[in-house]
Amino acid sequence: MGRIKTDMVKRTARKLVKLYPDKFSKDFNKNKLALKDLAEIRSKKLRNVLAGYAVRLKVLGDELRPKARKKTFSGGPRGSFRGGPRSSYGGRDNRGSSGSSAGRPPARR
């Protein structure tokens, strides 16, 4: 697992890569030099993190925005969340039940 970058680092790196796409490349050391010329970054660590994230953006094809994910559930042993083979009432299996109470919970006595 990798390290998690803060929103400030991501936002700043995306903005700089978008404004100056010709200044950044897939080379970390060149990006450090570009950041030195483009922005006043007092912290060596912050400059290195920004340069590294700029490399990541360039490697991923200048993808400046994360794509929206679909919220679906398609796992587990009982099929998918939408329209799976067991999408009957309450997720219960109707096989083996008799009478007109198919799919209903057992009656209380």
PDB file of N, CA and C in Angstrom:
ATOM      1  N   MET A   1       0.832  -1.178   0.000  1.00  0.00           N
ATOM      2  CA  MET A   1       0.000   0.000   0.000  1.00  0.00           C
ATOM      3  C   MET A   1       0.881   1.246   0.000  1.00  0.00           C
ATOM      4  N   GLY A   2       0.417   2.245  -0.691  1.00  0.00           N
ATOM      5  CA  GLY A   2       1.175   3.477  -0.775  1.00  0.00           C
ATOM      6  C   GLY A   2       0.771   4.474   0.297  1.00  0.00           C
ATOM      7  N   ARG A   3       1.471   5.569   0.289  1.00  0.00           N
ATOM      8  CA  ARG A   3       1.145   6.629   1.239  1.00  0.00           C
ATOM      9  C   ARG A   3      -0.029   7.437   0.720  1.00  0.00           C
ATOM     10  N   ILE A   4      -0.790   7.981   1.622  1.00  0.00           N
ATOM     11  CA  ILE A   4      -1.962   8.774   1.246  1.00  0.00           C
ATOM     12  C   ILE A   4      -1.561  10.240   1.210  1.00  0.00           C
ATOM     13  N   LYS A   5      -1.841  10.889   0.096  1.00  0.00           N
ATOM     14  CA  LYS A   5      -1.521  12.308  -0.065  1.00  0.00           C
ATOM     15  C   LYS A   5      -2.687  13.155   0.432  1.00  0.00           C
ATOM     16  N   THR A   6      -2.380  14.302   0.990  1.00  0.00           N
ATOM     17  CA  THR A   6      -3.431  15.194   1.460  1.00  0.00           C
ATOM     18  C   THR A   6      -4.095  15.883   0.274  1.00  0.00           C
ATOM     19  N   ASP A   7      -5.276  16.409   0.510  1.00  0.00           N
ATOM     20  CA  ASP A   7      -6.012  17.109  -0.547  1.00  0.00           C
ATOM     21  C   ASP A   7      -5.240  18.329  -1.035  1.00  0.00           C
ATOM     22  N   MET A   8      -4.532  18.987  -0.139  1.00  0.00           N
ATOM     23  CA  MET A   8      -3.773  20.170  -0.528  1.00  0.00           C
ATOM     24  C   MET A   8      -2.679  19.802  -1.529  1.00  0.00           C
ATOM     25  N   VAL A   9      -1.999  18.694  -1.306  1.00  0.00           N
ATOM     26  CA  VAL A   9      -0.949  18.251  -2.213  1.00  0.00           C
ATOM     27  C   VAL A   9      -1.550  17.893  -3.572  1.00  0.00           C
ATOM     28  N   LYS A  10      -2.633  17.143  -3.563  1.00  0.00           N
ATOM     29  CA  LYS A  10      -3.262  16.745  -4.818  1.00  0.00           C
ATOM     30  C   LYS A  10      -3.777  17.947  -5.591  1.00  0.00           C
ATOM     31  N   ARG A  11      -4.451  18.847  -4.886  1.00  0.00           N
ATOM     32  CA  ARG A  11      -5.034  20.025  -5.537  1.00  0.00           C
ATOM     33  C   ARG A  11      -3.929  20.897  -6.142  1.00  0.00           C
ATOM     34  N   THR A  12      -2.857  21.124  -5.397  1.00  0.00           N
ATOM     35  CA  THR A  12      -1.768  21.977  -5.869  1.00  0.00           C
ATOM     36  C   THR A  12      -1.049  21.348  -7.055  1.00  0.00           C
ATOM     37  N   ALA A  13      -0.759  20.061  -6.960  1.00  0.00           N
ATOM     38  CA  ALA A  13      -0.062  19.383  -8.052  1.00  0.00           C
ATOM     39  C   ALA A  13      -0.918  19.365  -9.314  1.00  0.00           C
ATOM     40  N   ARG A  14      -2.206  19.081  -9.170  1.00  0.00           N
ATOM     41  CA  ARG A  14      -3.099  19.076 -10.338  1.00  0.00           C
ATOM     42  C   ARG A  14      -3.143  20.451 -10.997  1.00  0.00           C
ATOM     43  N   LYS A  15      -3.230  21.489 -10.166  1.00  0.00           N
ATOM     44  CA  LYS A  15      -3.306  22.853 -10.683  1.00  0.00           C
ATOM     45  C   LYS A  15      -2.025  23.220 -11.443  1.00  0.00           C
ATOM     46  N   LEU A  16      -0.879  22.899 -10.864  1.00  0.00           N
ATOM     47  CA  LEU A  16       0.393  23.236 -11.505  1.00  0.00           C
ATOM     48  C   LEU A  16       0.592  22.443 -12.798  1.00  0.00           C
ATOM     49  N   VAL A  17       0.237  21.173 -12.784  1.00  0.00           N
ATOM     50  CA  VAL A  17       0.388  20.359 -13.992  1.00  0.00           C
ATOM     51  C   VAL A  17      -0.572  20.827 -15.076  1.00  0.00           C
ATOM     52  N   LYS A  18      -1.742  21.283 -14.670  1.00  0.00           N
ATOM     53  CA  LYS A  18      -2.716  21.775 -15.646  1.00  0.00           C
ATOM     54  C   LYS A  18      -2.260  23.118 -16.237  1.00  0.00           C
ATOM     55  N   LEU A  19      -1.715  23.994 -15.400  1.00  0.00           N
ATOM     56  CA  LEU A  19      -1.278  25.309 -15.873  1.00  0.00           C
ATOM     57  C   LEU A  19       0.009  25.237 -16.693  1.00  0.00           C
ATOM     58  N   TYR A  20       0.915  24.342 -16.315  1.00  0.00           N
ATOM     59  CA  TYR A  20       2.227  24.239 -16.969  1.00  0.00           C
ATOM     60  C   TYR A  20       2.499  22.791 -17.392  1.00  0.00           C
ATOM     61  N   PRO A  21       1.745  22.248 -18.333  1.00  0.00           N
ATOM     62  CA  PRO A  21       1.938  20.834 -18.699  1.00  0.00           C
ATOM     63  C   PRO A  21       3.297  20.559 -19.347  1.00  0.00           C
ATOM     64  N   ASP A  22       3.876  21.575 -20.013  1.00  0.00           N
ATOM     65  CA  ASP A  22       5.166  21.367 -20.674  1.00  0.00           C
ATOM     66  C   ASP A  22       6.338  21.385 -19.690  1.00  0.00           C
ATOM     67  N   LYS A  23       6.135  21.926 -18.498  1.00  0.00           N
ATOM     68  CA  LYS A  23       7.207  22.000 -17.493  1.00  0.00           C
ATOM     69  C   LYS A  23       7.396  20.686 -16.737  1.00  0.00           C
ATOM     70  N   PHE A  24       6.346  19.858 -16.693  1.00  0.00           N
ATOM     71  CA  PHE A  24       6.405  18.623 -15.915  1.00  0.00           C
ATOM     72  C   PHE A  24       6.558  17.417 -16.823  1.00  0.00           C
ATOM     73  N   SER A  25       7.224  16.398 -16.292  1.00  0.00           N
ATOM     74  CA  SER A  25       7.446  15.174 -17.059  1.00  0.00           C
ATOM     75  C   SER A  25       7.317  13.976 -16.127  1.00  0.00           C
ATOM     76  N   LYS A  26       7.709  12.819 -16.634  1.00  0.00           N
ATOM     77  CA  LYS A  26       7.672  11.601 -15.825  1.00  0.00           C
ATOM     78  C   LYS A  26       8.947  11.422 -15.002  1.00  0.00           C
ATOM     79  N   ASP A  27       9.825  12.419 -15.039  1.00  0.00           N
ATOM     80  CA  ASP A  27      11.089  12.366 -14.303  1.00  0.00           C
ATOM     81  C   ASP A  27      10.974  13.180 -13.014  1.00  0.00           C
ATOM     82  N   PHE A  28      11.172  12.518 -11.890  1.00  0.00           N
ATOM     83  CA  PHE A  28      11.027  13.139 -10.574  1.00  0.00           C
ATOM     84  C   PHE A  28      11.977  14.326 -10.390  1.00  0.00           C
ATOM     85  N   ASN A  29      13.248  14.156 -10.761  1.00  0.00           N
ATOM     86  CA  ASN A  29      14.242  15.219 -10.547  1.00  0.00           C
ATOM     87  C   ASN A  29      13.946  16.459 -11.393  1.00  0.00           C
ATOM     88  N   LYS A  30      13.470  16.253 -12.606  1.00  0.00           N
ATOM     89  CA  LYS A  30      13.099  17.401 -13.444  1.00  0.00           C
ATOM     90  C   LYS A  30      11.895  18.129 -12.858  1.00  0.00           C
ATOM     91  N   ASN A  31      10.968  17.380 -12.275  1.00  0.00           N
ATOM     92  CA  ASN A  31       9.805  18.005 -11.649  1.00  0.00           C
ATOM     93  C   ASN A  31      10.198  18.806 -10.417  1.00  0.00           C
ATOM     94  N   LYS A  32      11.195  18.332  -9.673  1.00  0.00           N
ATOM     95  CA  LYS A  32      11.676  19.108  -8.512  1.00  0.00           C
ATOM     96  C   LYS A  32      12.239  20.445  -8.963  1.00  0.00           C
ATOM     97  N   LEU A  33      12.986  20.439 -10.043  1.00  0.00           N
ATOM     98  CA  LEU A  33      13.551  21.685 -10.567  1.00  0.00           C
ATOM     99  C   LEU A  33      12.453  22.602 -11.105  1.00  0.00           C
ATOM    100  N   ALA A  34      11.448  22.021 -11.746  1.00  0.00           N
ATOM    101  CA  ALA A  34      10.338  22.823 -12.262  1.00  0.00           C
ATOM    102  C   ALA A  34       9.579  23.477 -11.115  1.00  0.00           C
ATOM    103  N   LEU A  35       9.360  22.746 -10.039  1.00  0.00           N
ATOM    104  CA  LEU A  35       8.668  23.325  -8.883  1.00  0.00           C
ATOM    105  C   LEU A  35       9.479  24.446  -8.255  1.00  0.00           C
ATOM    106  N   LYS A  36      10.781  24.317  -8.281  1.00  0.00           N
ATOM    107  CA  LYS A  36      11.648  25.357  -7.734  1.00  0.00           C
ATOM    108  C   LYS A  36      11.462  26.673  -8.490  1.00  0.00           C
ATOM    109  N   ASP A  37      11.260  26.575  -9.809  1.00  0.00           N
ATOM    110  CA  ASP A  37      11.073  27.772 -10.629  1.00  0.00           C
ATOM    111  C   ASP A  37       9.639  28.308 -10.586  1.00  0.00           C
ATOM    112  N   LEU A  38       8.657  27.414 -10.465  1.00  0.00           N
ATOM    113  CA  LEU A  38       7.255  27.813 -10.575  1.00  0.00           C
ATOM    114  C   LEU A  38       6.622  28.297  -9.275  1.00  0.00           C
ATOM    115  N   ALA A  39       7.034  27.741  -8.163  1.00  0.00           N
ATOM    116  CA  ALA A  39       6.372  28.058  -6.901  1.00  0.00           C
ATOM    117  C   ALA A  39       7.406  28.227  -5.790  1.00  0.00           C
ATOM    118  N   GLU A  40       7.026  29.002  -4.811  1.00  0.00           N
ATOM    119  CA  GLU A  40       7.896  29.184  -3.651  1.00  0.00           C
ATOM    120  C   GLU A  40       7.469  28.173  -2.584  1.00  0.00           C
ATOM    121  N   ILE A  41       8.226  27.087  -2.537  1.00  0.00           N
ATOM    122  CA  ILE A  41       7.935  26.022  -1.583  1.00  0.00           C
ATOM    123  C   ILE A  41       9.107  25.971  -0.610  1.00  0.00           C
ATOM    124  N   ARG A  42       8.825  26.291   0.623  1.00  0.00           N
ATOM    125  CA  ARG A  42       9.896  26.387   1.627  1.00  0.00           C
ATOM    126  C   ARG A  42      10.326  25.030   2.168  1.00  0.00           C
ATOM    127  N   SER A  43       9.434  24.084   2.162  1.00  0.00           N
ATOM    128  CA  SER A  43       9.724  22.774   2.723  1.00  0.00           C
ATOM    129  C   SER A  43      10.237  21.824   1.635  1.00  0.00           C
ATOM    130  N   LYS A  44      11.378  21.227   1.899  1.00  0.00           N
ATOM    131  CA  LYS A  44      11.958  20.272   0.968  1.00  0.00           C
ATOM    132  C   LYS A  44      11.052  19.044   0.823  1.00  0.00           C
ATOM    133  N   LYS A  45      10.474  18.597   1.934  1.00  0.00           N
ATOM    134  CA  LYS A  45       9.605  17.430   1.912  1.00  0.00           C
ATOM    135  C   LYS A  45       8.351  17.695   1.077  1.00  0.00           C
ATOM    136  N   LEU A  46       7.741  18.854   1.245  1.00  0.00           N
ATOM    137  CA  LEU A  46       6.544  19.193   0.479  1.00  0.00           C
ATOM    138  C   LEU A  46       6.857  19.276  -1.009  1.00  0.00           C
ATOM    139  N   ARG A  47       8.009  19.850  -1.341  1.00  0.00           N
ATOM    140  CA  ARG A  47       8.408  19.933  -2.749  1.00  0.00           C
ATOM    141  C   ARG A  47       8.566  18.532  -3.345  1.00  0.00           C
ATOM    142  N   ASN A  48       9.165  17.627  -2.586  1.00  0.00           N
ATOM    143  CA  ASN A  48       9.366  16.271  -3.078  1.00  0.00           C
ATOM    144  C   ASN A  48       8.037  15.529  -3.243  1.00  0.00           C
ATOM    145  N   VAL A  49       7.111  15.732  -2.314  1.00  0.00           N
ATOM    146  CA  VAL A  49       5.804  15.077  -2.409  1.00  0.00           C
ATOM    147  C   VAL A  49       5.055  15.606  -3.625  1.00  0.00           C
ATOM    148  N   LEU A  50       5.102  16.914  -3.847  1.00  0.00           N
ATOM    149  CA  LEU A  50       4.447  17.506  -5.014  1.00  0.00           C
ATOM    150  C   LEU A  50       5.068  16.997  -6.313  1.00  0.00           C
ATOM    151  N   ALA A  51       6.389  16.905  -6.347  1.00  0.00           N
ATOM    152  CA  ALA A  51       7.073  16.414  -7.541  1.00  0.00           C
ATOM    153  C   ALA A  51       6.706  14.949  -7.810  1.00  0.00           C
ATOM    154  N   GLY A  52       6.615  14.163  -6.763  1.00  0.00           N
ATOM    155  CA  GLY A  52       6.238  12.761  -6.913  1.00  0.00           C
ATOM    156  C   GLY A  52       4.819  12.600  -7.397  1.00  0.00           C
ATOM    157  N   TYR A  53       3.911  13.405  -6.893  1.00  0.00           N
ATOM    158  CA  TYR A  53       2.522  13.323  -7.330  1.00  0.00           C
ATOM    159  C   TYR A  53       2.376  13.820  -8.768  1.00  0.00           C
ATOM    160  N   ALA A  54       3.193  14.789  -9.160  1.00  0.00           N
ATOM    161  CA  ALA A  54       3.176  15.248 -10.549  1.00  0.00           C
ATOM    162  C   ALA A  54       3.629  14.124 -11.478  1.00  0.00           C
ATOM    163  N   VAL A  55       4.599  13.332 -11.040  1.00  0.00           N
ATOM    164  CA  VAL A  55       5.021  12.166 -11.823  1.00  0.00           C
ATOM    165  C   VAL A  55       3.853  11.203 -11.975  1.00  0.00           C
ATOM    166  N   ARG A  56       3.156  10.972 -10.893  1.00  0.00           N
ATOM    167  CA  ARG A  56       2.011  10.056 -10.938  1.00  0.00           C
ATOM    168  C   ARG A  56       0.955  10.554 -11.916  1.00  0.00           C
ATOM    169  N   LEU A  57       0.688  11.856 -11.912  1.00  0.00           N
ATOM    170  CA  LEU A  57      -0.300  12.410 -12.836  1.00  0.00           C
ATOM    171  C   LEU A  57       0.146  12.229 -14.286  1.00  0.00           C
ATOM    172  N   LYS A  58       1.423  12.417 -14.543  1.00  0.00           N
ATOM    173  CA  LYS A  58       1.933  12.261 -15.903  1.00  0.00           C
ATOM    174  C   LYS A  58       1.903  10.802 -16.339  1.00  0.00           C
ATOM    175  N   VAL A  59       2.237   9.895 -15.436  1.00  0.00           N
ATOM    176  CA  VAL A  59       2.241   8.472 -15.770  1.00  0.00           C
ATOM    177  C   VAL A  59       0.823   7.991 -16.060  1.00  0.00           C
ATOM    178  N   LEU A  60      -0.137   8.490 -15.317  1.00  0.00           N
ATOM    179  CA  LEU A  60      -1.524   8.088 -15.519  1.00  0.00           C
ATOM    180  C   LEU A  60      -2.161   8.798 -16.710  1.00  0.00           C
ATOM    181  N   GLY A  61      -1.379   9.485 -17.483  1.00  0.00           N
ATOM    182  CA  GLY A  61      -1.907  10.121 -18.687  1.00  0.00           C
ATOM    183  C   GLY A  61      -2.527  11.469 -18.412  1.00  0.00           C
ATOM    184  N   ASP A  62      -1.925  12.238 -17.522  1.00  0.00           N
ATOM    185  CA  ASP A  62      -2.422  13.571 -17.193  1.00  0.00           C
ATOM    186  C   ASP A  62      -3.874  13.530 -16.745  1.00  0.00           C
ATOM    187  N   GLU A  63      -4.255  12.501 -16.048  1.00  0.00           N
ATOM    188  CA  GLU A  63      -5.614  12.396 -15.530  1.00  0.00           C
ATOM    189  C   GLU A  63      -5.731  13.343 -14.340  1.00  0.00           C
ATOM    190  N   LEU A  64      -6.386  14.459 -14.561  1.00  0.00           N
ATOM    191  CA  LEU A  64      -6.428  15.505 -13.540  1.00  0.00           C
ATOM    192  C   LEU A  64      -7.602  15.360 -12.584  1.00  0.00           C
ATOM    193  N   ARG A  65      -8.588  14.547 -12.933  1.00  0.00           N
ATOM    194  CA  ARG A  65      -9.755  14.359 -12.087  1.00  0.00           C
ATOM    195  C   ARG A  65      -9.994  12.885 -11.865  1.00  0.00           C
ATOM    196  N   PRO A  66     -10.279  12.488 -10.632  1.00  0.00           N
ATOM    197  CA  PRO A  66     -10.644  11.081 -10.444  1.00  0.00           C
ATOM    198  C   PRO A  66     -12.018  10.823 -11.048  1.00  0.00           C
ATOM    199  N   LYS A  67     -12.186   9.640 -11.602  1.00  0.00           N
ATOM    200  CA  LYS A  67     -13.468   9.297 -12.218  1.00  0.00           C
ATOM    201  C   LYS A  67     -14.467   8.916 -11.137  1.00  0.00           C
ATOM    202  N   ALA A  68     -15.742   9.203 -11.408  1.00  0.00           N
ATOM    203  CA  ALA A  68     -16.800   8.848 -10.463  1.00  0.00           C
ATOM    204  C   ALA A  68     -17.005   7.338 -10.503  1.00  0.00           C
ATOM    205  N   ARG A  69     -17.192   6.765  -9.354  1.00  0.00           N
ATOM    206  CA  ARG A  69     -17.399   5.327  -9.260  1.00  0.00           C
ATOM    207  C   ARG A  69     -18.882   5.005  -9.182  1.00  0.00           C
ATOM    208  N   LYS A  70     -19.249   3.863  -9.735  1.00  0.00           N
ATOM    209  CA  LYS A  70     -20.612   3.383  -9.597  1.00  0.00           C
ATOM    210  C   LYS A  70     -20.741   2.720  -8.242  1.00  0.00           C
ATOM    211  N   LYS A  71     -21.850   2.944  -7.591  1.00  0.00           N
ATOM    212  CA  LYS A  71     -22.085   2.319  -6.298  1.00  0.00           C
ATOM    213  C   LYS A  71     -22.958   1.093  -6.515  1.00  0.00           C
ATOM    214  N   THR A  72     -22.306  -0.023  -6.730  1.00  0.00           N
ATOM    215  CA  THR A  72     -23.038  -1.271  -6.904  1.00  0.00           C
ATOM    216  C   THR A  72     -22.424  -2.326  -6.020  1.00  0.00           C
ATOM    217  N   PHE A  73     -23.196  -3.304  -5.697  1.00  0.00           N
ATOM    218  CA  PHE A  73     -22.712  -4.428  -4.925  1.00  0.00           C
ATOM    219  C   PHE A  73     -22.856  -5.659  -5.793  1.00  0.00           C
ATOM    220  N   SER A  74     -21.750  -6.282  -6.092  1.00  0.00           N
ATOM    221  CA  SER A  74     -21.822  -7.478  -6.933  1.00  0.00           C
ATOM    222  C   SER A  74     -20.909  -8.550  -6.353  1.00  0.00           C
ATOM    223  N   GLY A  75     -21.025  -8.769  -5.101  1.00  0.00           N
ATOM    224  CA  GLY A  75     -20.173  -9.765  -4.484  1.00  0.00           C
ATOM    225  C   GLY A  75     -20.961 -10.653  -3.560  1.00  0.00           C
ATOM    226  N   GLY A  76     -20.281 -11.512  -2.921  1.00  0.00           N
ATOM    227  CA  GLY A  76     -20.928 -12.390  -1.972  1.00  0.00           C
ATOM    228  C   GLY A  76     -21.415 -13.671  -2.617  1.00  0.00           C
ATOM    229  N   PRO A  77     -21.730 -14.647  -1.823  1.00  0.00           N
ATOM    230  CA  PRO A  77     -22.109 -15.946  -2.366  1.00  0.00           C
ATOM    231  C   PRO A  77     -23.526 -15.991  -2.925  1.00  0.00           C
ATOM    232  N   ARG A  78     -24.342 -14.976  -2.695  1.00  0.00           N
ATOM    233  CA  ARG A  78     -25.743 -15.042  -3.109  1.00  0.00           C
ATOM    234  C   ARG A  78     -26.052 -14.203  -4.338  1.00  0.00           C
ATOM    235  N   GLY A  79     -25.063 -13.814  -5.106  1.00  0.00           N
ATOM    236  CA  GLY A  79     -25.335 -13.067  -6.334  1.00  0.00           C
ATOM    237  C   GLY A  79     -25.173 -11.578  -6.137  1.00  0.00           C
ATOM    238  N   SER A  80     -25.668 -10.829  -7.072  1.00  0.00           N
ATOM    239  CA  SER A  80     -25.458  -9.389  -7.054  1.00  0.00           C
ATOM    240  C   SER A  80     -26.600  -8.663  -6.357  1.00  0.00           C
ATOM    241  N   PHE A  81     -26.379  -7.414  -6.103  1.00  0.00           N
ATOM    242  CA  PHE A  81     -27.354  -6.574  -5.418  1.00  0.00           C
ATOM    243  C   PHE A  81     -28.526  -6.255  -6.327  1.00  0.00           C
ATOM    244  N   ARG A  82     -28.262  -6.015  -7.594  1.00  0.00           N
ATOM    245  CA  ARG A  82     -29.317  -5.641  -8.532  1.00  0.00           C
ATOM    246  C   ARG A  82     -29.628  -6.788  -9.477  1.00  0.00           C
ATOM    247  N   GLY A  83     -30.827  -7.285  -9.399  1.00  0.00           N
ATOM    248  CA  GLY A  83     -31.300  -8.250 -10.373  1.00  0.00           C
ATOM    249  C   GLY A  83     -30.581  -9.579 -10.364  1.00  0.00           C
ATOM    250  N   GLY A  84     -30.023  -9.972  -9.262  1.00  0.00           N
ATOM    251  CA  GLY A  84     -29.332 -11.242  -9.190  1.00  0.00           C
ATOM    252  C   GLY A  84     -30.313 -12.400  -9.147  1.00  0.00           C
ATOM    253  N   PRO A  85     -29.796 -13.593  -9.103  1.00  0.00           N
ATOM    254  CA  PRO A  85     -30.680 -14.754  -9.117  1.00  0.00           C
ATOM    255  C   PRO A  85     -31.541 -14.882  -7.872  1.00  0.00           C
ATOM    256  N   ARG A  86     -31.166 -14.205  -6.785  1.00  0.00           N
ATOM    257  CA  ARG A  86     -31.919 -14.322  -5.540  1.00  0.00           C
ATOM    258  C   ARG A  86     -32.462 -12.960  -5.134  1.00  0.00           C
ATOM    259  N   SER A  87     -33.115 -12.301  -6.042  1.00  0.00           N
ATOM    260  CA  SER A  87     -33.621 -10.963  -5.752  1.00  0.00           C
ATOM    261  C   SER A  87     -35.101 -10.991  -5.380  1.00  0.00           C
ATOM    262  N   SER A  88     -35.556 -12.064  -4.760  1.00  0.00           N
ATOM    263  CA  SER A  88     -36.951 -12.150  -4.355  1.00  0.00           C
ATOM    264  C   SER A  88     -37.175 -11.396  -3.047  1.00  0.00           C
ATOM    265  N   TYR A  89     -38.366 -11.445  -2.510  1.00  0.00           N
ATOM    266  CA  TYR A  89     -38.743 -10.714  -1.304  1.00  0.00           C
ATOM    267  C   TYR A  89     -37.773 -10.978  -0.165  1.00  0.00           C
ATOM    268  N   GLY A  90     -37.170  -9.925   0.326  1.00  0.00           N
ATOM    269  CA  GLY A  90     -36.296 -10.005   1.491  1.00  0.00           C
ATOM    270  C   GLY A  90     -35.063 -10.850   1.284  1.00  0.00           C
ATOM    271  N   GLY A  91     -34.740 -11.189   0.063  1.00  0.00           N
ATOM    272  CA  GLY A  91     -33.576 -12.003  -0.191  1.00  0.00           C
ATOM    273  C   GLY A  91     -33.760 -13.455   0.210  1.00  0.00           C
ATOM    274  N   ARG A  92     -34.984 -13.855   0.511  1.00  0.00           N
ATOM    275  CA  ARG A  92     -35.238 -15.239   0.921  1.00  0.00           C
ATOM    276  C   ARG A  92     -35.397 -16.126  -0.304  1.00  0.00           C
ATOM    277  N   ASP A  93     -35.128 -17.364  -0.119  1.00  0.00           N
ATOM    278  CA  ASP A  93     -35.271 -18.332  -1.189  1.00  0.00           C
ATOM    279  C   ASP A  93     -36.663 -18.947  -1.109  1.00  0.00           C
ATOM    280  N   ASN A  94     -37.417 -18.923  -2.210  1.00  0.00           N
ATOM    281  CA  ASN A  94     -38.779 -19.434  -2.214  1.00  0.00           C
ATOM    282  C   ASN A  94     -38.853 -20.929  -2.495  1.00  0.00           C
ATOM    283  N   ARG A  95     -37.740 -21.529  -2.791  1.00  0.00           N
ATOM    284  CA  ARG A  95     -37.771 -22.959  -3.093  1.00  0.00           C
ATOM    285  C   ARG A  95     -38.107 -23.773  -1.851  1.00  0.00           C
ATOM    286  N   GLY A  96     -38.893 -24.789  -2.015  1.00  0.00           N
ATOM    287  CA  GLY A  96     -39.192 -25.706  -0.931  1.00  0.00           C
ATOM    288  C   GLY A  96     -40.336 -25.278  -0.041  1.00  0.00           C
ATOM    289  N   SER A  97     -40.909 -24.131  -0.266  1.00  0.00           N
ATOM    290  CA  SER A  97     -42.031 -23.717   0.570  1.00  0.00           C
ATOM    291  C   SER A  97     -43.322 -24.166  -0.084  1.00  0.00           C
ATOM    292  N   SER A  98     -44.335 -24.420   0.708  1.00  0.00           N
ATOM    293  CA  SER A  98     -45.593 -24.911   0.162  1.00  0.00           C
ATOM    294  C   SER A  98     -46.732 -23.973   0.540  1.00  0.00           C
ATOM    295  N   GLY A  99     -47.807 -24.030  -0.191  1.00  0.00           N
ATOM    296  CA  GLY A  99     -48.977 -23.223   0.121  1.00  0.00           C
ATOM    297  C   GLY A  99     -48.880 -21.825  -0.427  1.00  0.00           C
ATOM    298  N   SER A 100     -49.809 -20.989   0.015  1.00  0.00           N
ATOM    299  CA  SER A 100     -49.875 -19.629  -0.501  1.00  0.00           C
ATOM    300  C   SER A 100     -48.979 -18.669   0.260  1.00  0.00           C
ATOM    301  N   SER A 101     -48.238 -19.164   1.235  1.00  0.00           N
ATOM    302  CA  SER A 101     -47.380 -18.285   2.023  1.00  0.00           C
ATOM    303  C   SER A 101     -45.959 -18.234   1.474  1.00  0.00           C
ATOM    304  N   ALA A 102     -45.794 -18.514   0.199  1.00  0.00           N
ATOM    305  CA  ALA A 102     -44.468 -18.501  -0.404  1.00  0.00           C
ATOM    306  C   ALA A 102     -43.885 -17.091  -0.354  1.00  0.00           C
ATOM    307  N   GLY A 103     -42.704 -16.967   0.183  1.00  0.00           N
ATOM    308  CA  GLY A 103     -42.032 -15.680   0.243  1.00  0.00           C
ATOM    309  C   GLY A 103     -42.349 -14.867   1.468  1.00  0.00           C
ATOM    310  N   ARG A 104     -43.241 -15.303   2.318  1.00  0.00           N
ATOM    311  CA  ARG A 104     -43.588 -14.572   3.535  1.00  0.00           C
ATOM    312  C   ARG A 104     -42.907 -15.220   4.732  1.00  0.00           C
ATOM    313  N   PRO A 105     -42.649 -14.428   5.743  1.00  0.00           N
ATOM    314  CA  PRO A 105     -42.054 -15.027   6.932  1.00  0.00           C
ATOM    315  C   PRO A 105     -43.065 -15.940   7.630  1.00  0.00           C
ATOM    316  N   PRO A 106     -42.632 -16.903   8.422  1.00  0.00           N
ATOM    317  CA  PRO A 106     -43.549 -17.814   9.101  1.00  0.00           C
ATOM    318  C   PRO A 106     -44.464 -17.035  10.050  1.00  0.00           C
ATOM    319  N   ALA A 107     -45.699 -17.485  10.168  1.00  0.00           N
ATOM    320  CA  ALA A 107     -46.681 -16.819  11.017  1.00  0.00           C
ATOM    321  C   ALA A 107     -46.375 -17.096  12.488  1.00  0.00           C
ATOM    322  N   ARG A 108     -46.637 -16.128  13.341  1.00  0.00           N
ATOM    323  CA  ARG A 108     -46.439 -16.316  14.783  1.00  0.00           C
ATOM    324  C   ARG A 108     -47.631 -17.037  15.375  1.00  0.00           C
ATOM    325  N   ARG A 109     -47.372 -17.827  16.359  1.00  0.00           N
ATOM    326  CA  ARG A 109     -48.448 -18.569  16.995  1.00  0.00           C
ATOM    327  C   ARG A 109     -48.615 -18.168  18.406  1.00  0.00           C
TER     328      ARG A 109
END
